[in-house]
């Protein structure tokens, strides 16, 4: 899954992606950038 990396300023592949649920109950995906290891967060159900 791809997500926007704020540090690289481009779309990057998400490593170690895991499904999480936000406080408001919406699904999200959390992982690490494959290039710089910054935490990536994508709101919405994983495809």
N, C-alpha and C. Protein backbone atom coordinates (compact mmCIF):
# COMPACT_ATOMS: atom_id res chain seq x y z
N UNK A 1 0.84 -1.18 0.00
CA UNK A 1 0.00 0.00 0.00
C UNK A 1 0.88 1.24 0.00
N UNK A 2 0.50 2.24 -0.75
CA UNK A 2 1.24 3.49 -0.83
C UNK A 2 0.58 4.55 0.05
N UNK A 3 1.41 5.43 0.60
CA UNK A 3 0.93 6.56 1.38
C UNK A 3 1.89 7.72 1.17
N UNK A 4 1.43 8.93 1.43
CA UNK A 4 2.26 10.12 1.24
C UNK A 4 3.19 10.29 2.42
N UNK A 5 4.50 10.38 2.15
CA UNK A 5 5.50 10.59 3.19
C UNK A 5 5.77 12.09 3.30
N UNK A 6 5.58 12.65 4.49
CA UNK A 6 5.78 14.08 4.71
C UNK A 6 7.26 14.47 4.63
N UNK A 7 8.14 13.56 4.98
CA UNK A 7 9.58 13.85 4.96
C UNK A 7 10.14 13.77 3.54
N UNK A 8 9.75 12.72 2.79
CA UNK A 8 10.22 12.55 1.40
C UNK A 8 9.44 13.42 0.42
N UNK A 9 8.25 13.83 0.80
CA UNK A 9 7.34 14.64 -0.03
C UNK A 9 6.95 13.95 -1.32
N UNK A 10 6.69 12.65 -1.21
CA UNK A 10 6.23 11.88 -2.36
C UNK A 10 5.49 10.64 -1.84
N UNK A 11 4.82 9.93 -2.76
CA UNK A 11 4.15 8.69 -2.38
C UNK A 11 5.21 7.61 -2.21
N UNK A 12 5.13 6.87 -1.11
CA UNK A 12 6.10 5.82 -0.83
C UNK A 12 5.37 4.54 -0.43
N UNK A 13 6.05 3.42 -0.62
CA UNK A 13 5.53 2.11 -0.21
C UNK A 13 5.55 2.03 1.32
N UNK A 14 4.46 1.55 1.90
CA UNK A 14 4.34 1.43 3.34
C UNK A 14 4.81 0.04 3.79
N UNK A 15 5.81 -0.02 4.66
CA UNK A 15 6.31 -1.27 5.22
C UNK A 15 5.67 -1.51 6.58
N UNK A 16 5.54 -2.77 6.96
CA UNK A 16 4.98 -3.17 8.26
C UNK A 16 3.62 -2.53 8.49
N UNK A 17 2.77 -2.55 7.47
CA UNK A 17 1.45 -1.94 7.57
C UNK A 17 0.55 -2.75 8.50
N UNK A 18 -0.21 -2.03 9.35
CA UNK A 18 -1.15 -2.70 10.24
C UNK A 18 -2.46 -1.91 10.27
N UNK A 19 -3.55 -2.63 10.40
CA UNK A 19 -4.87 -2.02 10.48
C UNK A 19 -5.08 -1.47 11.89
N UNK A 20 -5.53 -0.23 12.00
CA UNK A 20 -5.83 0.38 13.29
C UNK A 20 -7.21 1.03 13.20
N UNK A 21 -7.80 1.31 14.36
CA UNK A 21 -9.07 2.01 14.42
C UNK A 21 -8.85 3.30 15.19
N UNK A 22 -9.25 4.42 14.60
CA UNK A 22 -9.08 5.72 15.25
C UNK A 22 -10.11 5.87 16.37
N UNK A 23 -9.95 6.89 17.20
CA UNK A 23 -10.84 7.12 18.34
C UNK A 23 -12.30 7.28 17.91
N UNK A 24 -12.52 7.85 16.72
CA UNK A 24 -13.89 8.05 16.24
C UNK A 24 -14.47 6.82 15.57
N UNK A 25 -13.71 5.71 15.53
CA UNK A 25 -14.22 4.46 14.98
C UNK A 25 -13.89 4.22 13.52
N UNK A 26 -13.29 5.18 12.84
CA UNK A 26 -12.95 5.01 11.43
C UNK A 26 -11.71 4.13 11.28
N UNK A 27 -11.67 3.30 10.24
CA UNK A 27 -10.49 2.45 10.01
C UNK A 27 -9.34 3.26 9.41
N UNK A 28 -8.11 2.82 9.68
CA UNK A 28 -6.93 3.46 9.12
C UNK A 28 -5.82 2.42 9.02
N UNK A 29 -4.75 2.78 8.30
CA UNK A 29 -3.59 1.92 8.16
C UNK A 29 -2.36 2.69 8.60
N UNK A 30 -1.53 2.05 9.41
CA UNK A 30 -0.33 2.68 9.95
C UNK A 30 0.88 1.83 9.58
N UNK A 31 1.97 2.49 9.18
CA UNK A 31 3.17 1.76 8.81
C UNK A 31 4.38 2.66 8.77
N UNK A 32 5.47 2.18 8.17
CA UNK A 32 6.72 2.92 8.08
C UNK A 32 7.10 3.15 6.63
N UNK A 33 7.73 4.29 6.35
CA UNK A 33 8.23 4.60 5.01
C UNK A 33 9.40 3.67 4.71
N UNK A 34 9.43 3.11 3.52
CA UNK A 34 10.50 2.20 3.13
C UNK A 34 11.83 2.90 2.92
N UNK A 35 11.84 4.22 2.72
CA UNK A 35 13.06 4.96 2.46
C UNK A 35 13.65 5.59 3.72
N UNK A 36 12.81 6.33 4.48
CA UNK A 36 13.33 7.11 5.61
C UNK A 36 12.82 6.63 6.97
N UNK A 37 11.98 5.62 7.01
CA UNK A 37 11.43 5.02 8.24
C UNK A 37 10.53 5.96 9.04
N UNK A 38 10.01 7.01 8.42
CA UNK A 38 9.04 7.87 9.07
C UNK A 38 7.70 7.13 9.16
N UNK A 39 6.94 7.38 10.21
CA UNK A 39 5.64 6.76 10.35
C UNK A 39 4.67 7.32 9.31
N UNK A 40 3.99 6.43 8.58
CA UNK A 40 2.99 6.80 7.59
C UNK A 40 1.62 6.41 8.12
N UNK A 41 0.61 7.22 7.81
CA UNK A 41 -0.73 6.99 8.29
C UNK A 41 -1.70 7.29 7.16
N UNK A 42 -2.57 6.33 6.84
CA UNK A 42 -3.54 6.52 5.76
C UNK A 42 -4.92 6.20 6.30
N UNK A 43 -5.82 7.19 6.21
CA UNK A 43 -7.18 7.02 6.70
C UNK A 43 -7.99 6.29 5.65
N UNK A 44 -8.81 5.36 6.10
CA UNK A 44 -9.67 4.60 5.20
C UNK A 44 -9.34 3.13 5.23
N UNK A 45 -10.28 2.33 4.79
CA UNK A 45 -10.09 0.90 4.77
C UNK A 45 -9.06 0.49 3.74
N UNK A 46 -8.20 -0.44 4.09
CA UNK A 46 -7.14 -0.91 3.18
C UNK A 46 -7.75 -1.68 2.02
N UNK A 47 -7.19 -1.51 0.85
CA UNK A 47 -7.68 -2.18 -0.35
C UNK A 47 -7.03 -3.53 -0.51
